[in-house]
C-alpha atoms as a PDB file:
ATOM      1  CA  UNK A   1     -13.012 -16.038 -13.433  1.00  0.00           C
ATOM      2  CA  UNK A   2     -11.907 -12.604 -15.514  1.00  0.00           C
ATOM      3  CA  UNK A   3     -14.490 -10.647 -16.981  1.00  0.00           C
ATOM      4  CA  UNK A   4     -12.802  -8.647 -20.240  1.00  0.00           C
ATOM      5  CA  UNK A   5     -14.641  -6.210 -22.200  1.00  0.00           C
ATOM      6  CA  UNK A   6     -13.482  -4.301 -25.034  1.00  0.00           C
ATOM      7  CA  UNK A   7     -12.357  -0.730 -22.880  1.00  0.00           C
ATOM      8  CA  UNK A   8     -10.933   1.664 -25.981  1.00  0.00           C
ATOM      9  CA  UNK A   9      -9.343   2.548 -28.815  1.00  0.00           C
ATOM     10  CA  UNK A  10      -6.576   4.363 -30.322  1.00  0.00           C
ATOM     11  CA  UNK A  11      -6.066   6.811 -32.681  1.00  0.00           C
ATOM     12  CA  UNK A  12      -2.484   8.037 -33.392  1.00  0.00           C
ATOM     13  CA  UNK A  13      -2.952  11.840 -34.427  1.00  0.00           C
ATOM     14  CA  UNK A  14      -0.146  14.139 -35.233  1.00  0.00           C
ATOM     15  CA  UNK A  15      -1.764  17.590 -34.266  1.00  0.00           C
ATOM     16  CA  UNK A  16      -3.973  17.111 -31.104  1.00  0.00           C
ATOM     17  CA  UNK A  17      -5.832  20.503 -31.183  1.00  0.00           C
ATOM     18  CA  UNK A  18      -6.328  20.115 -34.756  1.00  0.00           C
ATOM     19  CA  UNK A  19      -8.073  16.898 -33.958  1.00  0.00           C
ATOM     20  CA  UNK A  20     -10.289  17.484 -31.221  1.00  0.00           C
ATOM     21  CA  UNK A  21     -11.444  20.621 -33.521  1.00  0.00           C
ATOM     22  CA  UNK A  22     -11.951  18.637 -36.148  1.00  0.00           C
ATOM     23  CA  UNK A  23     -13.968  16.021 -34.646  1.00  0.00           C
ATOM     24  CA  UNK A  24     -16.070  19.178 -32.463  1.00  0.00           C
ATOM     25  CA  UNK A  25     -17.031  20.288 -35.618  1.00  0.00           C
ATOM     26  CA  UNK A  26     -19.058  17.515 -36.974  1.00  0.00           C
ATOM     27  CA  UNK A  27     -20.477  17.318 -33.275  1.00  0.00           C
ATOM     28  CA  UNK A  28     -18.146  14.823 -31.762  1.00  0.00           C
ATOM     29  CA  UNK A  29     -16.527  15.853 -28.455  1.00  0.00           C
ATOM     30  CA  UNK A  30     -13.467  15.395 -27.196  1.00  0.00           C
ATOM     31  CA  UNK A  31     -11.559  16.357 -24.717  1.00  0.00           C
ATOM     32  CA  UNK A  32      -7.730  16.172 -23.343  1.00  0.00           C
ATOM     33  CA  UNK A  33      -6.383  13.909 -21.095  1.00  0.00           C
ATOM     34  CA  UNK A  34      -3.258  14.521 -20.114  1.00  0.00           C
ATOM     35  CA  UNK A  35       0.191  13.463 -20.211  1.00  0.00           C
ATOM     36  CA  UNK A  36       2.298   9.993 -20.159  1.00  0.00           C
ATOM     37  CA  UNK A  37       5.616  12.058 -18.806  1.00  0.00           C
ATOM     38  CA  UNK A  38       7.336   8.738 -19.227  1.00  0.00           C
ATOM     39  CA  UNK A  39       6.236   8.095 -22.047  1.00  0.00           C
ATOM     40  CA  UNK A  40       6.598  11.853 -23.949  1.00  0.00           C
ATOM     41  CA  UNK A  41       3.073  11.706 -24.883  1.00  0.00           C
ATOM     42  CA  UNK A  42      -0.502  13.265 -24.573  1.00  0.00           C
ATOM     43  CA  UNK A  43      -3.612  12.374 -25.474  1.00  0.00           C
ATOM     44  CA  UNK A  44      -7.282  13.490 -26.107  1.00  0.00           C
ATOM     45  CA  UNK A  45     -10.426  11.343 -25.038  1.00  0.00           C
ATOM     46  CA  UNK A  46     -13.978  10.923 -26.348  1.00  0.00           C
ATOM     47  CA  UNK A  47     -16.374   8.837 -24.309  1.00  0.00           C
ATOM     48  CA  UNK A  48     -19.095   6.656 -25.950  1.00  0.00           C
ATOM     49  CA  UNK A  49     -20.737   5.535 -22.609  1.00  0.00           C
ATOM     50  CA  UNK A  50     -17.769   3.852 -20.820  1.00  0.00           C
ATOM     51  CA  UNK A  51     -15.942   2.946 -24.396  1.00  0.00           C
ATOM     52  CA  UNK A  52     -14.063   5.742 -25.195  1.00  0.00           C
ATOM     53  CA  UNK A  53     -11.854   6.687 -27.797  1.00  0.00           C
ATOM     54  CA  UNK A  54      -8.033   7.531 -27.165  1.00  0.00           C
ATOM     55  CA  UNK A  55      -6.225  10.396 -29.674  1.00  0.00           C
ATOM     56  CA  UNK A  56      -2.251   9.891 -28.917  1.00  0.00           C
ATOM     57  CA  UNK A  57       0.326  12.120 -29.753  1.00  0.00           C
ATOM     58  CA  UNK A  58       3.812  13.383 -28.894  1.00  0.00           C
ATOM     59  CA  UNK A  59       4.529  16.392 -27.272  1.00  0.00           C
ATOM     60  CA  UNK A  60       7.891  15.390 -26.200  1.00  0.00           C
ATOM     61  CA  UNK A  61      10.232  13.710 -28.669  1.00  0.00           C
ATOM     62  CA  UNK A  62      13.388  13.619 -26.672  1.00  0.00           C
ATOM     63  CA  UNK A  63      11.314  11.223 -24.300  1.00  0.00           C
ATOM     64  CA  UNK A  64       9.262   9.662 -26.917  1.00  0.00           C
ATOM     65  CA  UNK A  65      12.407   8.706 -28.841  1.00  0.00           C
ATOM     66  CA  UNK A  66      13.571   6.574 -25.846  1.00  0.00           C
ATOM     67  CA  UNK A  67      10.511   4.543 -25.760  1.00  0.00           C
ATOM     68  CA  UNK A  68      11.238   0.833 -27.042  1.00  0.00           C
ATOM     69  CA  UNK A  69       8.484  -1.908 -28.226  1.00  0.00           C
ATOM     70  CA  UNK A  70       8.797  -4.249 -25.303  1.00  0.00           C
ATOM     71  CA  UNK A  71       8.258  -1.321 -22.795  1.00  0.00           C
ATOM     72  CA  UNK A  72       4.698  -0.353 -24.213  1.00  0.00           C
ATOM     73  CA  UNK A  73       3.890  -1.785 -27.984  1.00  0.00           C
ATOM     74  CA  UNK A  74       1.338   0.524 -28.800  1.00  0.00           C
ATOM     75  CA  UNK A  75       2.508   3.375 -27.352  1.00  0.00           C
ATOM     76  CA  UNK A  76       5.700   2.796 -29.662  1.00  0.00           C
ATOM     77  CA  UNK A  77       3.731   2.110 -32.436  1.00  0.00           C
ATOM     78  CA  UNK A  78       2.579   5.444 -32.205  1.00  0.00           C
ATOM     79  CA  UNK A  79       5.491   7.522 -31.760  1.00  0.00           C
ATOM     80  CA  UNK A  80       6.729   5.891 -35.398  1.00  0.00           C
ATOM     81  CA  UNK A  81       3.564   7.054 -36.786  1.00  0.00           C
ATOM     82  CA  UNK A  82       4.363  10.589 -35.360  1.00  0.00           C
ATOM     83  CA  UNK A  83       7.905  10.585 -36.356  1.00  0.00           C
ATOM     84  CA  UNK A  84       6.663   8.830 -40.050  1.00  0.00           C
ATOM     85  CA  UNK A  85       4.080  11.769 -40.136  1.00  0.00           C
ATOM     86  CA  UNK A  86       0.897   9.312 -40.026  1.00  0.00           C
ATOM     87  CA  UNK A  87      -2.133   9.029 -38.556  1.00  0.00           C
ATOM     88  CA  UNK A  88      -4.261   5.839 -38.519  1.00  0.00           C
ATOM     89  CA  UNK A  89      -5.338   3.650 -35.491  1.00  0.00           C
ATOM     90  CA  UNK A  90      -3.512   1.829 -33.515  1.00  0.00           C
ATOM     91  CA  UNK A  91      -4.981  -0.964 -31.628  1.00  0.00           C
ATOM     92  CA  UNK A  92      -7.873  -1.580 -29.567  1.00  0.00           C
ATOM     93  CA  UNK A  93      -7.766  -1.861 -25.610  1.00  0.00           C
ATOM     94  CA  UNK A  94      -9.018  -5.186 -23.380  1.00  0.00           C
ATOM     95  CA  UNK A  95     -10.182  -4.078 -20.285  1.00  0.00           C
ATOM     96  CA  UNK A  96     -10.096  -6.981 -17.649  1.00  0.00           C
ATOM     97  CA  UNK A  97     -11.349  -7.357 -13.568  1.00  0.00           C
ATOM     98  CA  UNK A  98      -8.480  -9.254 -13.038  1.00  0.00           C
ATOM     99  CA  UNK A  99      -5.231  -8.305 -14.528  1.00  0.00           C
ATOM    100  CA  UNK A 100      -2.865 -10.836 -13.055  1.00  0.00           C
ATOM    101  CA  UNK A 101      -5.220 -13.524 -14.006  1.00  0.00           C
ATOM    102  CA  UNK A 102      -5.647 -12.513 -17.588  1.00  0.00           C
ATOM    103  CA  UNK A 103      -1.688 -12.251 -17.748  1.00  0.00           C
ATOM    104  CA  UNK A 104      -0.999 -15.783 -16.356  1.00  0.00           C
ATOM    105  CA  UNK A 105      -4.153 -16.947 -18.742  1.00  0.00           C
ATOM    106  CA  UNK A 106      -2.543 -15.263 -22.299  1.00  0.00           C
ATOM    107  CA  UNK A 107       0.582 -16.571 -21.121  1.00  0.00           C
ATOM    108  CA  UNK A 108       0.094 -20.267 -20.646  1.00  0.00           C
ATOM    109  CA  UNK A 109      -0.868 -20.052 -24.444  1.00  0.00           C
ATOM    110  CA  UNK A 110       1.424 -18.683 -25.709  1.00  0.00           C
ATOM    111  CA  UNK A 111       1.364 -14.844 -26.011  1.00  0.00           C
ATOM    112  CA  UNK A 112       4.374 -12.984 -25.679  1.00  0.00           C
ATOM    113  CA  UNK A 113       2.884 -10.958 -22.618  1.00  0.00           C
ATOM    114  CA  UNK A 114       5.692  -8.161 -21.301  1.00  0.00           C
ATOM    115  CA  UNK A 115       5.409  -7.325 -17.291  1.00  0.00           C
ATOM    116  CA  UNK A 116       2.355  -5.908 -15.673  1.00  0.00           C
ATOM    117  CA  UNK A 117       2.753  -2.087 -14.714  1.00  0.00           C
ATOM    118  CA  UNK A 118       1.565   0.939 -13.405  1.00  0.00           C
ATOM    119  CA  UNK A 119       0.597   3.279 -15.891  1.00  0.00           C
ATOM    120  CA  UNK A 120      -0.438   6.695 -15.078  1.00  0.00           C
ATOM    121  CA  UNK A 121      -0.769  10.544 -16.507  1.00  0.00           C
ATOM    122  CA  UNK A 122      -1.422  13.613 -14.987  1.00  0.00           C
ATOM    123  CA  UNK A 123      -4.868  15.083 -16.504  1.00  0.00           C
ATOM    124  CA  UNK A 124      -5.544  18.952 -17.175  1.00  0.00           C
ATOM    125  CA  UNK A 125      -6.126  19.832 -13.534  1.00  0.00           C
ATOM    126  CA  UNK A 126      -2.787  18.227 -12.348  1.00  0.00           C
ATOM    127  CA  UNK A 127      -3.906  15.300 -10.871  1.00  0.00           C
ATOM    128  CA  UNK A 128      -2.624  11.798 -11.202  1.00  0.00           C
ATOM    129  CA  UNK A 129      -4.603   8.794 -12.625  1.00  0.00           C
ATOM    130  CA  UNK A 130      -3.135   6.125 -12.743  1.00  0.00           C
ATOM    131  CA  UNK A 131      -4.126   1.560 -13.650  1.00  0.00           C
ATOM    132  CA  UNK A 132      -3.204  -1.765 -14.707  1.00  0.00           C
ATOM    133  CA  UNK A 133      -1.608  -2.415 -17.929  1.00  0.00           C
ATOM    134  CA  UNK A 134       0.459  -5.026 -19.833  1.00  0.00           C
ATOM    135  CA  UNK A 135       1.525  -4.424 -23.280  1.00  0.00           C
ATOM    136  CA  UNK A 136       1.947  -7.704 -25.981  1.00  0.00           C
ATOM    137  CA  UNK A 137       5.428  -7.371 -27.777  1.00  0.00           C
ATOM    138  CA  UNK A 138       4.398  -8.866 -30.823  1.00  0.00           C
ATOM    139  CA  UNK A 139       2.177  -9.111 -34.712  1.00  0.00           C
ATOM    140  CA  UNK A 140       0.609 -11.868 -35.496  1.00  0.00           C
ATOM    141  CA  UNK A 141      -0.324 -12.137 -39.813  1.00  0.00           C
ATOM    142  CA  UNK A 142       1.051  -8.372 -39.351  1.00  0.00           C
ATOM    143  CA  UNK A 143      -1.542  -7.064 -36.882  1.00  0.00           C
ATOM    144  CA  UNK A 144      -0.653  -5.191 -33.615  1.00  0.00           C
ATOM    145  CA  UNK A 145      -1.978  -7.123 -30.959  1.00  0.00           C
ATOM    146  CA  UNK A 146      -4.574  -5.465 -28.659  1.00  0.00           C
ATOM    147  CA  UNK A 147      -2.906  -4.750 -24.313  1.00  0.00           C
ATOM    148  CA  UNK A 148      -4.910  -4.944 -21.408  1.00  0.00           C
ATOM    149  CA  UNK A 149      -5.364  -2.667 -18.779  1.00  0.00           C
ATOM    150  CA  UNK A 150      -7.066  -2.731 -15.286  1.00  0.00           C
ATOM    151  CA  UNK A 151      -9.023   0.132 -13.728  1.00  0.00           C
ATOM    152  CA  UNK A 152      -9.738   0.215 -10.165  1.00  0.00           C
ATOM    153  CA  UNK A 153     -13.396   0.069  -9.155  1.00  0.00           C
ATOM    154  CA  UNK A 154     -16.006  -1.532 -10.768  1.00  0.00           C
ATOM    155  CA  UNK A 155     -17.452  -0.539 -14.539  1.00  0.00           C
ATOM    156  CA  UNK A 156     -20.770   1.396 -12.538  1.00  0.00           C
ATOM    157  CA  UNK A 157     -18.509   3.422 -10.481  1.00  0.00           C
ATOM    158  CA  UNK A 158     -16.347   4.389 -12.755  1.00  0.00           C
ATOM    159  CA  UNK A 159     -19.037   5.556 -15.299  1.00  0.00           C
ATOM    160  CA  UNK A 160     -20.285   7.828 -12.719  1.00  0.00           C
ATOM    161  CA  UNK A 161     -17.254   9.101 -11.853  1.00  0.00           C
ATOM    162  CA  UNK A 162     -16.826   9.865 -15.370  1.00  0.00           C
ATOM    163  CA  UNK A 163     -19.936  11.604 -15.957  1.00  0.00           C
ATOM    164  CA  UNK A 164     -19.459  13.448 -12.615  1.00  0.00           C
ATOM    165  CA  UNK A 165     -16.268  14.858 -13.769  1.00  0.00           C
ATOM    166  CA  UNK A 166     -17.884  15.899 -16.970  1.00  0.00           C
ATOM    167  CA  UNK A 167     -15.748  13.590 -19.792  1.00  0.00           C
ATOM    168  CA  UNK A 168     -18.868  11.059 -20.331  1.00  0.00           C
ATOM    169  CA  UNK A 169     -21.097  14.022 -21.601  1.00  0.00           C
ATOM    170  CA  UNK A 170     -23.865  14.066 -24.694  1.00  0.00           C
ATOM    171  CA  UNK A 171     -22.631  14.705 -28.321  1.00  0.00           C
ATOM    172  CA  UNK A 172     -24.277  17.397 -30.363  1.00  0.00           C
ATOM    173  CA  UNK A 173     -24.177  14.810 -33.324  1.00  0.00           C
ATOM    174  CA  UNK A 174     -26.508  12.185 -31.130  1.00  0.00           C
ATOM    175  CA  UNK A 175     -26.083   9.479 -28.403  1.00  0.00           C
ATOM    176  CA  UNK A 176     -23.599   8.189 -30.080  1.00  0.00           C
ATOM    177  CA  UNK A 177     -21.821   4.479 -29.599  1.00  0.00           C
ATOM    178  CA  UNK A 178     -18.746   2.968 -31.082  1.00  0.00           C
ATOM    179  CA  UNK A 179     -20.468  -0.854 -32.104  1.00  0.00           C
ATOM    180  CA  UNK A 180     -17.931  -2.820 -34.220  1.00  0.00           C
ATOM    181  CA  UNK A 181     -13.990  -2.435 -34.981  1.00  0.00           C
ATOM    182  CA  UNK A 182     -13.341  -3.990 -38.620  1.00  0.00           C
ATOM    183  CA  UNK A 183      -9.979  -5.573 -38.807  1.00  0.00           C
ATOM    184  CA  UNK A 184      -8.658  -5.761 -42.336  1.00  0.00           C
ATOM    185  CA  UNK A 185      -6.612  -9.002 -42.977  1.00  0.00           C
ATOM    186  CA  UNK A 186      -4.810 -11.431 -45.211  1.00  0.00           C
ATOM    187  CA  UNK A 187      -6.259 -14.227 -43.005  1.00  0.00           C
ATOM    188  CA  UNK A 188      -9.691 -13.007 -40.635  1.00  0.00           C
ATOM    189  CA  UNK A 189     -10.619 -16.685 -39.612  1.00  0.00           C
ATOM    190  CA  UNK A 190      -7.067 -17.469 -38.266  1.00  0.00           C
ATOM    191  CA  UNK A 191      -6.550 -14.121 -36.788  1.00  0.00           C
ATOM    192  CA  UNK A 192     -10.141 -13.928 -35.050  1.00  0.00           C
ATOM    193  CA  UNK A 193      -9.610 -17.181 -33.568  1.00  0.00           C
ATOM    194  CA  UNK A 194      -6.534 -16.281 -31.907  1.00  0.00           C
ATOM    195  CA  UNK A 195      -8.193 -13.089 -30.812  1.00  0.00           C
ATOM    196  CA  UNK A 196     -11.191 -15.304 -29.526  1.00  0.00           C
ATOM    197  CA  UNK A 197      -8.922 -16.555 -27.662  1.00  0.00           C
ATOM    198  CA  UNK A 198      -7.060 -13.523 -26.285  1.00  0.00           C
ATOM    199  CA  UNK A 199     -10.645 -12.161 -25.016  1.00  0.00           C
ATOM    200  CA  UNK A 200     -12.023 -15.692 -24.177  1.00  0.00           C
ATOM    201  CA  UNK A 201     -14.870 -15.305 -26.515  1.00  0.00           C
ATOM    202  CA  UNK A 202     -16.172 -17.440 -29.830  1.00  0.00           C
ATOM    203  CA  UNK A 203     -15.693 -16.433 -33.063  1.00  0.00           C
ATOM    204  CA  UNK A 204     -18.568 -16.699 -35.304  1.00  0.00           C
ATOM    205  CA  UNK A 205     -18.738 -16.742 -39.504  1.00  0.00           C
ATOM    206  CA  UNK A 206     -20.639 -13.995 -41.158  1.00  0.00           C
ATOM    207  CA  UNK A 207     -21.054 -14.048 -44.996  1.00  0.00           C
ATOM    208  CA  UNK A 208     -16.907 -13.669 -45.862  1.00  0.00           C
ATOM    209  CA  UNK A 209     -16.532 -12.045 -42.044  1.00  0.00           C
ATOM    210  CA  UNK A 210     -16.157 -13.260 -38.565  1.00  0.00           C
ATOM    211  CA  UNK A 211     -16.984 -11.434 -35.512  1.00  0.00           C
ATOM    212  CA  UNK A 212     -16.339 -11.766 -32.048  1.00  0.00           C
ATOM    213  CA  UNK A 213     -19.114 -10.279 -30.178  1.00  0.00           C
ATOM    214  CA  UNK A 214     -17.811  -8.374 -26.716  1.00  0.00           C
ATOM    215  CA  UNK A 215     -20.969  -7.239 -24.335  1.00  0.00           C
ATOM    216  CA  UNK A 216     -23.191  -5.639 -27.434  1.00  0.00           C
ATOM    217  CA  UNK A 217     -19.869  -4.912 -29.630  1.00  0.00           C
ATOM    218  CA  UNK A 218     -18.357  -6.614 -32.157  1.00  0.00           C
ATOM    219  CA  UNK A 219     -14.551  -6.989 -33.561  1.00  0.00           C
ATOM    220  CA  UNK A 220     -15.132  -7.671 -37.458  1.00  0.00           C
ATOM    221  CA  UNK A 221     -12.289  -9.142 -39.118  1.00  0.00           C
ATOM    222  CA  UNK A 222     -12.459  -8.911 -43.191  1.00  0.00           C
ATOM    223  CA  UNK A 223     -10.513  -9.500 -45.742  1.00  0.00           C
ATOM    224  CA  UNK A 224      -8.254  -7.393 -46.867  1.00  0.00           C
ATOM    225  CA  UNK A 225      -4.108  -6.266 -47.318  1.00  0.00           C
ATOM    226  CA  UNK A 226      -3.714  -4.070 -44.664  1.00  0.00           C
ATOM    227  CA  UNK A 227      -3.413  -5.916 -41.377  1.00  0.00           C
ATOM    228  CA  UNK A 228      -4.262  -2.982 -39.650  1.00  0.00           C
ATOM    229  CA  UNK A 229      -7.736  -1.697 -37.543  1.00  0.00           C
ATOM    230  CA  UNK A 230      -9.434   0.539 -40.263  1.00  0.00           C
ATOM    231  CA  UNK A 231     -12.362   1.503 -39.120  1.00  0.00           C
ATOM    232  CA  UNK A 232     -14.718   2.051 -36.578  1.00  0.00           C
ATOM    233  CA  UNK A 233     -19.028   1.672 -37.010  1.00  0.00           C
ATOM    234  CA  UNK A 234     -21.060   3.616 -34.674  1.00  0.00           C
ATOM    235  CA  UNK A 235     -24.762   4.157 -34.171  1.00  0.00           C
ATOM    236  CA  UNK A 236     -26.953   6.991 -32.486  1.00  0.00           C
ATOM    237  CA  UNK A 237     -26.192   9.549 -35.087  1.00  0.00           C
ATOM    238  CA  UNK A 238     -28.314  12.208 -35.728  1.00  0.00           C
ATOM    239  CA  UNK A 239     -29.299  13.092 -39.200  1.00  0.00           C
ATOM    240  CA  UNK A 240     -26.150  15.345 -39.342  1.00  0.00           C
ATOM    241  CA  UNK A 241     -24.030  13.185 -38.880  1.00  0.00           C
ATOM    242  CA  UNK A 242     -26.073   9.923 -39.981  1.00  0.00           C
ATOM    243  CA  UNK A 243     -24.561   7.728 -42.885  1.00  0.00           C
ATOM    244  CA  UNK A 244     -21.550   9.821 -42.965  1.00  0.00           C
ATOM    245  CA  UNK A 245     -17.471   8.965 -42.872  1.00  0.00           C
ATOM    246  CA  UNK A 246     -14.953  10.817 -40.580  1.00  0.00           C
ATOM    247  CA  UNK A 247     -11.617  10.200 -41.191  1.00  0.00           C
ATOM    248  CA  UNK A 248      -8.104  11.275 -39.860  1.00  0.00           C
ATOM    249  CA  UNK A 249      -5.816  10.301 -41.800  1.00  0.00           C
ATOM    250  CA  UNK A 250      -6.256   6.220 -42.772  1.00  0.00           C
ATOM    251  CA  UNK A 251      -8.450   6.140 -39.643  1.00  0.00           C
ATOM    252  CA  UNK A 252     -12.153   5.835 -40.750  1.00  0.00           C
ATOM    253  CA  UNK A 253     -15.140   6.666 -38.302  1.00  0.00           C
ATOM    254  CA  UNK A 254     -18.043   5.830 -39.383  1.00  0.00           C
ATOM    255  CA  UNK A 255     -21.819   7.150 -39.401  1.00  0.00           C
END
């Protein structure tokens, strides 16, 4: 049976270098990841253990304008935000140990899954990085769906490789870990139940919110009109950052 986990979170940004600099000034390390030639996009990555944040931007508008949402929902959404000069969260990626099994299960429960494809990018050294991925070209209650990804090897071997390559590294601001993703939606119970089905986890009511526990991290669905991921909460910040909120456009990083 496939094991599912919260792999990473995407933030759509306009100026990748400026975003890296802004976060670096607060002691939060991000490094250039590479280019997605097929989409005309580029990214930077900040690792908090194996869970990470991807800053996504456009570096080839001519190619990017040809991307259809059915070809990559979250990539298309990032391109639209770039074109409208908007910075905000995109969605999260769910990591699976068996992407074909996960794809079939979601299709059976009526989720509009796209095909399983090979994703790839060139890292700054020119090395080709590959993964398996599928998107969900749909919204539920106005909220974009997550997408699903599978990396080669186990979490342990991947963590070791990322550490050896200097991607998992110490942050001057502390031993930072992403703890919670906060989704503000019109109907938190209904949306949480759907996402619980997607990630094959139970939903718990916590006060007026609804929570899905994903291996010591949580997805929180709270009432509001944004119908979007609005914030990430972190643990481990040193006093220089603790209690503060860093914003990238409308995306809030709460320390």
